[in-house]
N, C-alpha and C. Protein backbone atom coordinates (compact mmCIF):
# COMPACT_ATOMS: atom_id res chain seq x y z
N MET A 1 -2.41 16.73 -5.13
CA MET A 1 -0.99 17.01 -5.01
C MET A 1 -0.29 15.73 -4.57
N THR A 2 0.82 15.35 -5.23
CA THR A 2 1.58 14.18 -4.82
C THR A 2 2.45 14.55 -3.63
N LEU A 3 2.84 13.51 -2.90
CA LEU A 3 3.68 13.75 -1.74
C LEU A 3 5.00 14.38 -2.14
N SER A 4 5.56 13.96 -3.30
CA SER A 4 6.85 14.52 -3.68
C SER A 4 6.78 16.02 -3.88
N SER A 5 5.63 16.55 -4.29
CA SER A 5 5.54 17.99 -4.51
C SER A 5 5.47 18.77 -3.19
N SER A 6 5.00 18.15 -2.12
CA SER A 6 4.92 18.85 -0.83
C SER A 6 6.03 18.43 0.12
N LEU A 7 6.80 17.42 -0.25
CA LEU A 7 7.85 16.90 0.62
C LEU A 7 8.87 17.98 0.99
N GLY A 8 9.33 18.74 0.01
CA GLY A 8 10.32 19.78 0.27
C GLY A 8 9.80 20.83 1.23
N GLN A 9 8.54 21.23 1.07
CA GLN A 9 7.95 22.21 1.97
C GLN A 9 7.87 21.66 3.40
N HIS A 10 7.54 20.38 3.50
CA HIS A 10 7.43 19.75 4.81
C HIS A 10 8.81 19.67 5.48
N ILE A 11 9.84 19.32 4.72
CA ILE A 11 11.19 19.28 5.27
C ILE A 11 11.61 20.66 5.75
N ALA A 12 11.31 21.69 4.95
CA ALA A 12 11.66 23.06 5.34
C ALA A 12 10.95 23.46 6.64
N ARG A 13 9.65 23.10 6.76
CA ARG A 13 8.91 23.43 7.99
C ARG A 13 9.52 22.73 9.20
N LEU A 14 9.86 21.44 9.04
CA LEU A 14 10.47 20.71 10.16
C LEU A 14 11.82 21.33 10.53
N ARG A 15 12.62 21.64 9.51
CA ARG A 15 13.95 22.21 9.75
C ARG A 15 13.84 23.56 10.45
N GLU A 16 12.96 24.42 9.92
CA GLU A 16 12.79 25.75 10.51
C GLU A 16 12.20 25.68 11.91
N GLY A 17 11.29 24.72 12.13
CA GLY A 17 10.69 24.53 13.45
C GLY A 17 11.71 24.12 14.50
N LYS A 18 12.76 23.47 14.07
CA LYS A 18 13.83 23.07 14.99
C LYS A 18 14.95 24.10 15.04
N GLY A 19 14.78 25.20 14.28
CA GLY A 19 15.78 26.27 14.28
C GLY A 19 17.11 25.85 13.65
N ILE A 20 17.03 25.01 12.63
CA ILE A 20 18.23 24.49 11.97
C ILE A 20 18.37 25.13 10.59
N SER A 21 19.55 25.62 10.27
CA SER A 21 19.79 26.19 8.94
C SER A 21 19.98 25.04 7.94
N ARG A 22 19.89 25.36 6.67
CA ARG A 22 20.16 24.36 5.63
C ARG A 22 21.57 23.83 5.76
N GLU A 23 22.50 24.70 6.08
CA GLU A 23 23.90 24.29 6.22
C GLU A 23 24.07 23.31 7.37
N GLU A 24 23.40 23.60 8.49
CA GLU A 24 23.49 22.70 9.65
C GLU A 24 22.85 21.35 9.34
N LEU A 25 21.71 21.37 8.66
CA LEU A 25 21.05 20.11 8.28
C LEU A 25 21.94 19.32 7.33
N ALA A 26 22.60 20.00 6.40
CA ALA A 26 23.51 19.32 5.49
C ALA A 26 24.63 18.63 6.26
N LYS A 27 25.15 19.32 7.25
CA LYS A 27 26.24 18.76 8.06
C LYS A 27 25.73 17.56 8.86
N ARG A 28 24.57 17.70 9.50
CA ARG A 28 24.01 16.62 10.32
C ARG A 28 23.63 15.39 9.49
N SER A 29 23.16 15.63 8.27
CA SER A 29 22.67 14.52 7.44
C SER A 29 23.72 14.01 6.45
N ARG A 30 24.87 14.67 6.42
CA ARG A 30 25.93 14.31 5.48
C ARG A 30 25.44 14.38 4.03
N CYS A 31 24.62 15.38 3.75
CA CYS A 31 24.15 15.67 2.39
C CYS A 31 24.71 17.03 1.99
N LYS A 32 24.82 17.26 0.72
CA LYS A 32 25.25 18.58 0.25
C LYS A 32 24.12 19.57 0.47
N VAL A 33 24.49 20.79 0.83
CA VAL A 33 23.50 21.83 1.05
C VAL A 33 22.68 22.08 -0.22
N GLU A 34 23.31 21.90 -1.40
CA GLU A 34 22.60 22.08 -2.67
C GLU A 34 21.47 21.06 -2.83
N VAL A 35 21.68 19.85 -2.30
CA VAL A 35 20.65 18.81 -2.37
C VAL A 35 19.46 19.22 -1.50
N ILE A 36 19.74 19.69 -0.29
CA ILE A 36 18.66 20.11 0.62
C ILE A 36 17.91 21.31 0.03
N GLU A 37 18.66 22.25 -0.52
CA GLU A 37 18.04 23.42 -1.14
C GLU A 37 17.14 23.01 -2.31
N ALA A 38 17.64 22.17 -3.19
CA ALA A 38 16.86 21.72 -4.36
C ALA A 38 15.64 20.92 -3.92
N LEU A 39 15.79 20.11 -2.89
CA LEU A 39 14.68 19.32 -2.39
C LEU A 39 13.61 20.21 -1.79
N GLU A 40 14.02 21.16 -0.94
CA GLU A 40 13.05 22.05 -0.30
C GLU A 40 12.33 22.92 -1.33
N GLU A 41 13.00 23.27 -2.41
CA GLU A 41 12.38 24.13 -3.42
C GLU A 41 11.64 23.33 -4.49
N GLY A 42 11.58 22.00 -4.33
CA GLY A 42 10.82 21.16 -5.25
C GLY A 42 11.49 20.90 -6.58
N HIS A 43 12.81 21.08 -6.65
CA HIS A 43 13.53 20.87 -7.90
C HIS A 43 14.22 19.52 -7.96
N LEU A 44 14.03 18.67 -6.95
CA LEU A 44 14.76 17.42 -6.87
C LEU A 44 13.82 16.27 -6.55
N SER A 45 13.96 15.19 -7.30
CA SER A 45 13.27 13.94 -7.00
C SER A 45 14.34 13.01 -6.45
N PRO A 46 14.45 12.90 -5.13
CA PRO A 46 15.58 12.21 -4.53
C PRO A 46 15.43 10.70 -4.53
N SER A 47 16.53 10.02 -4.25
CA SER A 47 16.45 8.60 -3.97
C SER A 47 16.14 8.46 -2.49
N LEU A 48 15.89 7.25 -2.05
CA LEU A 48 15.49 7.02 -0.67
C LEU A 48 16.60 7.33 0.32
N ALA A 49 17.85 7.02 -0.03
CA ALA A 49 18.96 7.20 0.90
C ALA A 49 19.09 8.63 1.42
N PRO A 50 19.06 9.67 0.55
CA PRO A 50 19.15 11.04 1.08
C PRO A 50 17.99 11.39 2.01
N LEU A 51 16.78 10.87 1.71
CA LEU A 51 15.65 11.16 2.60
C LEU A 51 15.88 10.55 3.97
N LEU A 52 16.42 9.34 4.02
CA LEU A 52 16.73 8.71 5.31
C LEU A 52 17.79 9.51 6.06
N GLN A 53 18.80 10.02 5.33
CA GLN A 53 19.85 10.83 5.96
C GLN A 53 19.28 12.14 6.50
N ILE A 54 18.39 12.76 5.74
CA ILE A 54 17.77 14.02 6.17
C ILE A 54 16.88 13.78 7.38
N ALA A 55 16.12 12.69 7.36
CA ALA A 55 15.28 12.37 8.52
C ALA A 55 16.14 12.22 9.77
N ARG A 56 17.25 11.49 9.63
CA ARG A 56 18.15 11.31 10.77
C ARG A 56 18.72 12.66 11.21
N GLY A 57 19.11 13.51 10.24
CA GLY A 57 19.65 14.83 10.56
C GLY A 57 18.65 15.71 11.29
N LEU A 58 17.37 15.51 11.01
CA LEU A 58 16.31 16.26 11.69
C LEU A 58 15.89 15.60 13.00
N GLY A 59 16.38 14.37 13.23
CA GLY A 59 16.01 13.65 14.45
C GLY A 59 14.60 13.10 14.41
N VAL A 60 14.12 12.72 13.20
CA VAL A 60 12.77 12.18 13.05
C VAL A 60 12.85 10.88 12.25
N HIS A 61 11.76 10.11 12.28
CA HIS A 61 11.66 8.91 11.46
C HIS A 61 11.34 9.31 10.02
N LEU A 62 11.65 8.43 9.10
CA LEU A 62 11.31 8.67 7.70
C LEU A 62 9.83 8.99 7.55
N GLY A 63 9.00 8.28 8.29
CA GLY A 63 7.55 8.51 8.20
C GLY A 63 7.15 9.92 8.52
N THR A 64 7.89 10.60 9.38
CA THR A 64 7.59 11.99 9.72
C THR A 64 7.78 12.89 8.50
N LEU A 65 8.74 12.54 7.64
CA LEU A 65 8.92 13.31 6.41
C LEU A 65 7.80 13.02 5.41
N LEU A 66 7.27 11.80 5.45
CA LEU A 66 6.28 11.40 4.46
C LEU A 66 4.87 11.83 4.80
N ASP A 67 4.59 12.11 6.06
CA ASP A 67 3.26 12.58 6.43
C ASP A 67 3.37 13.51 7.63
N ASP A 68 2.35 14.32 7.82
CA ASP A 68 2.42 15.27 8.93
C ASP A 68 1.16 15.30 9.77
N LYS A 69 0.30 14.28 9.66
CA LYS A 69 -0.90 14.19 10.48
C LYS A 69 -0.99 12.78 11.05
N PRO A 70 -0.05 12.41 11.94
CA PRO A 70 0.00 11.03 12.41
C PRO A 70 -1.18 10.63 13.29
N HIS A 71 -1.63 9.37 13.13
CA HIS A 71 -2.68 8.77 13.94
C HIS A 71 -2.02 7.79 14.91
N VAL A 72 -2.52 7.75 16.14
CA VAL A 72 -1.95 6.87 17.15
C VAL A 72 -2.44 5.44 16.98
N GLY A 73 -3.69 5.23 16.65
CA GLY A 73 -4.26 3.88 16.53
C GLY A 73 -3.84 3.20 15.25
N PRO A 74 -4.44 2.05 14.96
CA PRO A 74 -4.12 1.33 13.74
C PRO A 74 -4.46 2.15 12.50
N VAL A 75 -3.71 1.92 11.46
CA VAL A 75 -3.96 2.59 10.19
C VAL A 75 -4.26 1.51 9.15
N ILE A 76 -5.35 1.67 8.45
CA ILE A 76 -5.74 0.71 7.43
C ILE A 76 -5.54 1.35 6.07
N ALA A 77 -4.90 0.62 5.15
CA ALA A 77 -4.72 1.09 3.77
C ALA A 77 -5.64 0.27 2.88
N ARG A 78 -6.59 0.91 2.26
CA ARG A 78 -7.52 0.23 1.34
C ARG A 78 -6.97 0.36 -0.08
N LYS A 79 -7.24 -0.63 -0.91
CA LYS A 79 -6.66 -0.64 -2.26
C LYS A 79 -7.09 0.55 -3.10
N ASP A 80 -8.27 1.09 -2.88
CA ASP A 80 -8.74 2.23 -3.67
C ASP A 80 -8.63 3.55 -2.92
N ASP A 81 -7.82 3.59 -1.86
CA ASP A 81 -7.69 4.78 -1.03
C ASP A 81 -6.99 5.89 -1.80
N LYS A 82 -7.65 7.00 -1.97
CA LYS A 82 -7.08 8.16 -2.68
C LYS A 82 -6.38 9.11 -1.72
N GLU A 83 -6.48 8.88 -0.40
CA GLU A 83 -5.84 9.75 0.59
C GLU A 83 -4.34 9.53 0.65
N SER A 84 -3.92 8.31 0.41
CA SER A 84 -2.50 7.98 0.52
C SER A 84 -1.74 8.56 -0.65
N PRO A 85 -0.68 9.32 -0.36
CA PRO A 85 0.08 9.96 -1.44
C PRO A 85 1.01 8.96 -2.14
N VAL A 86 1.47 9.34 -3.30
CA VAL A 86 2.44 8.54 -4.04
C VAL A 86 3.75 9.31 -4.01
N VAL A 87 4.84 8.61 -3.69
CA VAL A 87 6.16 9.22 -3.69
C VAL A 87 6.90 8.67 -4.90
N ARG A 88 7.36 9.57 -5.77
CA ARG A 88 8.06 9.13 -6.98
C ARG A 88 9.53 9.44 -6.85
N PHE A 89 10.34 8.41 -7.13
CA PHE A 89 11.79 8.56 -7.11
C PHE A 89 12.32 8.25 -8.49
N SER A 90 13.31 9.01 -8.89
CA SER A 90 13.93 8.77 -10.18
C SER A 90 14.92 7.62 -10.10
N GLY A 91 15.27 7.21 -8.89
CA GLY A 91 16.28 6.18 -8.75
C GLY A 91 17.67 6.75 -8.89
N ILE A 92 17.74 8.06 -9.11
CA ILE A 92 19.02 8.75 -9.21
C ILE A 92 18.99 9.96 -8.30
N ARG A 93 20.11 10.59 -8.11
CA ARG A 93 20.18 11.69 -7.15
C ARG A 93 20.02 13.07 -7.79
N VAL A 94 19.52 13.11 -9.00
CA VAL A 94 19.27 14.40 -9.64
C VAL A 94 17.83 14.44 -10.11
N ALA A 95 17.37 15.63 -10.41
CA ALA A 95 15.99 15.77 -10.86
C ALA A 95 15.78 15.03 -12.16
N SER A 96 14.60 14.47 -12.30
CA SER A 96 14.28 13.71 -13.50
C SER A 96 12.78 13.74 -13.70
N ASP A 97 12.36 13.84 -14.93
CA ASP A 97 10.93 13.80 -15.23
C ASP A 97 10.42 12.37 -15.29
N SER A 98 11.31 11.40 -15.45
CA SER A 98 10.87 10.02 -15.59
C SER A 98 11.21 9.23 -14.34
N SER A 99 10.22 9.09 -13.45
CA SER A 99 10.46 8.35 -12.23
C SER A 99 10.46 6.86 -12.54
N THR A 100 11.37 6.13 -11.93
CA THR A 100 11.44 4.70 -12.13
C THR A 100 10.80 3.95 -10.98
N LEU A 101 10.62 4.61 -9.83
CA LEU A 101 10.02 3.98 -8.67
C LEU A 101 8.87 4.83 -8.15
N GLU A 102 7.71 4.21 -7.97
CA GLU A 102 6.56 4.90 -7.37
C GLU A 102 6.21 4.19 -6.07
N PHE A 103 6.43 4.88 -4.95
CA PHE A 103 6.18 4.32 -3.63
C PHE A 103 4.76 4.66 -3.20
N HIS A 104 4.00 3.64 -2.82
CA HIS A 104 2.64 3.82 -2.30
C HIS A 104 2.69 3.43 -0.82
N PRO A 105 2.74 4.41 0.10
CA PRO A 105 2.86 4.10 1.53
C PRO A 105 1.65 3.32 2.04
N LEU A 106 1.91 2.30 2.84
CA LEU A 106 0.83 1.49 3.40
C LEU A 106 0.59 1.81 4.87
N ALA A 107 1.42 2.65 5.45
CA ALA A 107 1.22 3.05 6.85
C ALA A 107 1.17 4.56 6.96
N TYR A 108 0.68 5.20 5.90
CA TYR A 108 0.58 6.65 5.87
C TYR A 108 -0.15 7.15 7.11
N ASN A 109 0.45 8.08 7.80
CA ASN A 109 -0.10 8.72 8.99
C ASN A 109 -0.05 7.88 10.26
N LYS A 110 0.63 6.73 10.27
CA LYS A 110 0.76 5.95 11.50
C LYS A 110 1.84 6.59 12.36
N ALA A 111 1.47 7.00 13.56
CA ALA A 111 2.41 7.68 14.47
C ALA A 111 3.42 6.70 15.05
N GLY A 112 4.65 7.16 15.22
CA GLY A 112 5.68 6.42 15.93
C GLY A 112 6.14 5.13 15.28
N ARG A 113 5.98 5.01 13.99
CA ARG A 113 6.36 3.75 13.35
C ARG A 113 7.87 3.65 13.15
N HIS A 114 8.36 2.43 13.17
CA HIS A 114 9.77 2.15 12.94
C HIS A 114 9.98 1.43 11.61
N MET A 115 8.89 0.91 11.05
CA MET A 115 8.94 0.24 9.75
C MET A 115 8.18 1.08 8.75
N GLU A 116 8.61 1.04 7.50
CA GLU A 116 7.91 1.74 6.43
C GLU A 116 7.49 0.71 5.38
N PRO A 117 6.22 0.29 5.39
CA PRO A 117 5.77 -0.64 4.36
C PRO A 117 5.26 0.12 3.13
N PHE A 118 5.65 -0.36 1.96
CA PHE A 118 5.26 0.28 0.70
C PHE A 118 4.88 -0.78 -0.33
N LEU A 119 3.97 -0.44 -1.22
CA LEU A 119 3.84 -1.11 -2.50
C LEU A 119 4.64 -0.23 -3.44
N ILE A 120 5.53 -0.83 -4.21
CA ILE A 120 6.38 -0.03 -5.09
C ILE A 120 6.21 -0.52 -6.51
N ASP A 121 5.78 0.40 -7.39
CA ASP A 121 5.74 0.12 -8.83
C ASP A 121 7.11 0.46 -9.38
N ILE A 122 7.70 -0.50 -10.08
CA ILE A 122 9.03 -0.31 -10.66
C ILE A 122 8.89 -0.27 -12.16
N HIS A 123 9.27 0.86 -12.75
CA HIS A 123 9.20 1.03 -14.19
C HIS A 123 10.58 0.76 -14.79
N PRO A 124 10.62 0.17 -15.97
CA PRO A 124 11.92 -0.12 -16.59
C PRO A 124 12.75 1.14 -16.77
N THR A 125 14.05 0.98 -16.71
CA THR A 125 14.96 2.10 -16.93
C THR A 125 15.87 1.77 -18.10
N VAL A 126 16.26 2.79 -18.83
CA VAL A 126 17.17 2.59 -19.96
C VAL A 126 18.62 2.64 -19.52
N SER A 127 18.87 3.14 -18.32
CA SER A 127 20.24 3.27 -17.82
C SER A 127 20.79 1.91 -17.39
N GLU A 128 22.00 1.63 -17.80
CA GLU A 128 22.69 0.42 -17.37
C GLU A 128 23.41 0.64 -16.05
N ASP A 129 23.66 1.91 -15.70
CA ASP A 129 24.42 2.24 -14.50
C ASP A 129 23.61 1.98 -13.24
N CYS A 130 24.23 1.34 -12.27
CA CYS A 130 23.60 1.15 -10.96
C CYS A 130 23.75 2.42 -10.15
N MET A 131 22.69 2.84 -9.51
CA MET A 131 22.74 3.95 -8.56
C MET A 131 22.48 3.36 -7.20
N PHE A 132 23.56 2.91 -6.55
CA PHE A 132 23.44 2.22 -5.28
C PHE A 132 22.95 3.16 -4.18
N SER A 133 22.16 2.59 -3.31
CA SER A 133 21.67 3.28 -2.13
C SER A 133 22.33 2.63 -0.91
N VAL A 134 22.67 3.43 0.07
CA VAL A 134 23.24 2.93 1.32
C VAL A 134 22.63 3.73 2.45
N HIS A 135 22.08 3.04 3.44
CA HIS A 135 21.51 3.72 4.60
C HIS A 135 21.41 2.72 5.75
N GLU A 136 21.22 3.22 6.94
CA GLU A 136 21.08 2.34 8.09
C GLU A 136 19.79 1.56 7.99
N GLY A 137 19.80 0.36 8.54
CA GLY A 137 18.57 -0.40 8.64
C GLY A 137 18.57 -1.68 7.83
N GLU A 138 17.37 -2.18 7.61
CA GLU A 138 17.15 -3.42 6.89
C GLU A 138 15.99 -3.24 5.93
N GLU A 139 15.95 -4.09 4.88
CA GLU A 139 14.84 -4.06 3.93
C GLU A 139 14.37 -5.47 3.63
N PHE A 140 13.07 -5.59 3.43
CA PHE A 140 12.46 -6.84 3.00
C PHE A 140 11.67 -6.54 1.74
N ILE A 141 11.85 -7.34 0.72
CA ILE A 141 11.14 -7.16 -0.55
C ILE A 141 10.48 -8.48 -0.93
N TYR A 142 9.21 -8.39 -1.33
CA TYR A 142 8.44 -9.54 -1.83
C TYR A 142 7.90 -9.14 -3.20
N VAL A 143 8.22 -9.92 -4.21
CA VAL A 143 7.81 -9.58 -5.58
C VAL A 143 6.37 -10.02 -5.82
N LEU A 144 5.53 -9.07 -6.22
CA LEU A 144 4.13 -9.34 -6.53
C LEU A 144 3.92 -9.62 -8.01
N SER A 145 4.61 -8.86 -8.87
CA SER A 145 4.48 -9.08 -10.31
C SER A 145 5.74 -8.61 -11.02
N GLY A 146 5.98 -9.17 -12.20
CA GLY A 146 7.15 -8.80 -12.98
C GLY A 146 8.41 -9.47 -12.45
N LYS A 147 9.52 -9.12 -13.05
CA LYS A 147 10.82 -9.61 -12.60
C LYS A 147 11.62 -8.44 -12.07
N VAL A 148 12.32 -8.67 -10.96
CA VAL A 148 13.05 -7.61 -10.28
C VAL A 148 14.51 -8.00 -10.16
N GLN A 149 15.37 -7.04 -10.44
CA GLN A 149 16.82 -7.22 -10.26
C GLN A 149 17.24 -6.48 -9.00
N VAL A 150 17.86 -7.21 -8.07
CA VAL A 150 18.40 -6.59 -6.87
C VAL A 150 19.91 -6.73 -6.93
N SER A 151 20.59 -5.59 -7.02
CA SER A 151 22.05 -5.57 -6.94
C SER A 151 22.38 -5.31 -5.49
N TYR A 152 23.20 -6.19 -4.90
CA TYR A 152 23.52 -6.10 -3.48
C TYR A 152 25.02 -6.33 -3.34
N GLY A 153 25.75 -5.24 -3.03
CA GLY A 153 27.21 -5.34 -3.03
C GLY A 153 27.67 -5.71 -4.43
N SER A 154 28.46 -6.76 -4.55
CA SER A 154 28.93 -7.20 -5.87
C SER A 154 28.05 -8.31 -6.45
N GLU A 155 27.00 -8.68 -5.74
CA GLU A 155 26.10 -9.75 -6.20
C GLU A 155 24.87 -9.16 -6.88
N MET A 156 24.25 -9.99 -7.76
CA MET A 156 23.00 -9.58 -8.41
C MET A 156 22.03 -10.75 -8.34
N TYR A 157 20.79 -10.44 -7.98
CA TYR A 157 19.76 -11.45 -7.85
C TYR A 157 18.58 -11.08 -8.73
N ILE A 158 18.01 -12.06 -9.43
CA ILE A 158 16.79 -11.86 -10.21
C ILE A 158 15.66 -12.56 -9.46
N LEU A 159 14.63 -11.80 -9.14
CA LEU A 159 13.50 -12.32 -8.38
C LEU A 159 12.24 -12.31 -9.23
N ALA A 160 11.45 -13.37 -9.11
CA ALA A 160 10.18 -13.51 -9.84
C ALA A 160 9.03 -13.41 -8.84
N PRO A 161 7.79 -13.32 -9.32
CA PRO A 161 6.65 -13.25 -8.40
C PRO A 161 6.69 -14.40 -7.38
N GLY A 162 6.49 -14.04 -6.11
CA GLY A 162 6.53 -15.02 -5.03
C GLY A 162 7.89 -15.11 -4.36
N ASP A 163 8.94 -14.58 -5.01
CA ASP A 163 10.29 -14.58 -4.42
C ASP A 163 10.41 -13.39 -3.47
N SER A 164 11.32 -13.53 -2.49
CA SER A 164 11.58 -12.41 -1.57
C SER A 164 13.05 -12.35 -1.24
N ILE A 165 13.46 -11.22 -0.71
CA ILE A 165 14.83 -11.01 -0.26
C ILE A 165 14.79 -10.10 0.97
N TYR A 166 15.66 -10.39 1.92
CA TYR A 166 15.78 -9.60 3.14
C TYR A 166 17.26 -9.27 3.28
N TYR A 167 17.61 -8.00 3.43
CA TYR A 167 19.02 -7.64 3.49
C TYR A 167 19.28 -6.45 4.39
N ASP A 168 20.55 -6.32 4.75
CA ASP A 168 21.06 -5.21 5.54
C ASP A 168 21.30 -4.05 4.58
N SER A 169 20.62 -2.94 4.79
CA SER A 169 20.71 -1.84 3.83
C SER A 169 21.95 -0.96 3.99
N THR A 170 22.87 -1.35 4.89
CA THR A 170 24.15 -0.64 4.97
C THR A 170 25.09 -1.12 3.87
N THR A 171 24.74 -2.21 3.20
CA THR A 171 25.49 -2.68 2.04
C THR A 171 24.89 -1.98 0.81
N PRO A 172 25.72 -1.47 -0.10
CA PRO A 172 25.18 -0.80 -1.29
C PRO A 172 24.21 -1.71 -2.04
N HIS A 173 23.04 -1.15 -2.40
CA HIS A 173 22.01 -1.94 -3.06
C HIS A 173 21.21 -1.08 -4.02
N GLU A 174 20.63 -1.76 -5.00
CA GLU A 174 19.75 -1.09 -5.96
C GLU A 174 18.68 -2.08 -6.39
N VAL A 175 17.45 -1.58 -6.57
CA VAL A 175 16.33 -2.40 -7.02
C VAL A 175 15.82 -1.80 -8.31
N ARG A 176 15.64 -2.65 -9.34
CA ARG A 176 15.12 -2.19 -10.63
C ARG A 176 14.38 -3.31 -11.31
N SER A 177 13.63 -2.97 -12.36
CA SER A 177 12.97 -3.99 -13.17
C SER A 177 14.04 -4.79 -13.90
N ALA A 178 13.85 -6.10 -13.96
CA ALA A 178 14.82 -6.97 -14.63
C ALA A 178 14.47 -7.18 -16.09
N SER A 179 13.44 -6.50 -16.56
CA SER A 179 13.03 -6.64 -17.96
C SER A 179 12.51 -5.30 -18.46
N GLU A 180 11.92 -5.32 -19.63
CA GLU A 180 11.34 -4.09 -20.18
C GLU A 180 9.89 -3.92 -19.76
N GLU A 181 9.47 -4.71 -18.77
CA GLU A 181 8.10 -4.66 -18.25
C GLU A 181 8.10 -4.05 -16.85
N ASN A 182 6.97 -3.50 -16.44
CA ASN A 182 6.83 -3.00 -15.08
C ASN A 182 6.84 -4.16 -14.09
N ALA A 183 7.21 -3.87 -12.87
CA ALA A 183 7.17 -4.84 -11.79
C ALA A 183 6.52 -4.17 -10.58
N CYS A 184 6.06 -4.97 -9.64
CA CYS A 184 5.48 -4.44 -8.41
C CYS A 184 5.98 -5.28 -7.25
N ILE A 185 6.39 -4.60 -6.18
CA ILE A 185 6.89 -5.28 -5.00
C ILE A 185 6.22 -4.74 -3.74
N LEU A 186 6.19 -5.57 -2.72
CA LEU A 186 5.86 -5.15 -1.37
C LEU A 186 7.21 -4.99 -0.69
N ALA A 187 7.49 -3.82 -0.15
CA ALA A 187 8.77 -3.57 0.51
C ALA A 187 8.52 -3.04 1.91
N VAL A 188 9.31 -3.52 2.86
CA VAL A 188 9.27 -3.02 4.22
C VAL A 188 10.67 -2.55 4.56
N ILE A 189 10.79 -1.28 4.92
CA ILE A 189 12.08 -0.69 5.25
C ILE A 189 12.08 -0.39 6.75
N TYR A 190 13.09 -0.90 7.43
CA TYR A 190 13.24 -0.65 8.86
C TYR A 190 14.47 0.24 9.07
N THR A 191 14.29 1.30 9.83
CA THR A 191 15.43 2.16 10.18
C THR A 191 15.47 2.30 11.69
N PRO A 192 16.62 2.03 12.31
CA PRO A 192 16.73 2.15 13.75
C PRO A 192 16.70 3.61 14.18
N GLU A 193 16.41 3.84 15.45
CA GLU A 193 16.38 5.23 15.95
C GLU A 193 17.77 5.75 16.14
């Protein structure tokens, strides 16, 4: 089972455990109640920004949404580890069968973390439209393979393997493949408490 298929159930358990209705969570997270409903019922492949808003609305770190068996000590991610789930995002805020981003968590199950390190496979998209993400925190991206386009505010940057970018994620941003080829990045997302 991929993490995206159990994510909605986990959000519902956290919400219900805190005695919060979907409507209250929508208000706290500044998301539409329909988004929370679709996510909890497994009908939505969200972008990262709504997940960060929902985590904040629940009073938990993003990592708490991504895993539910945290370890206190160090966590090691091995390249062939089948335990670590894959989170697929369509890069848009509606359900889609074609995910453009596949997040491979590198700190899966690490308790109390403030940073979220991922290897992210970026698949080409046919859409020319930018779907900007905005959330609290900072992001660091290091390109491992392929070419990556980072739209940041009104600027656009093309990054090649070995290039990196560090930015404030409160500015609208989008990451996509800059060509018709797949790309892979190491990304670290920091969200304040």
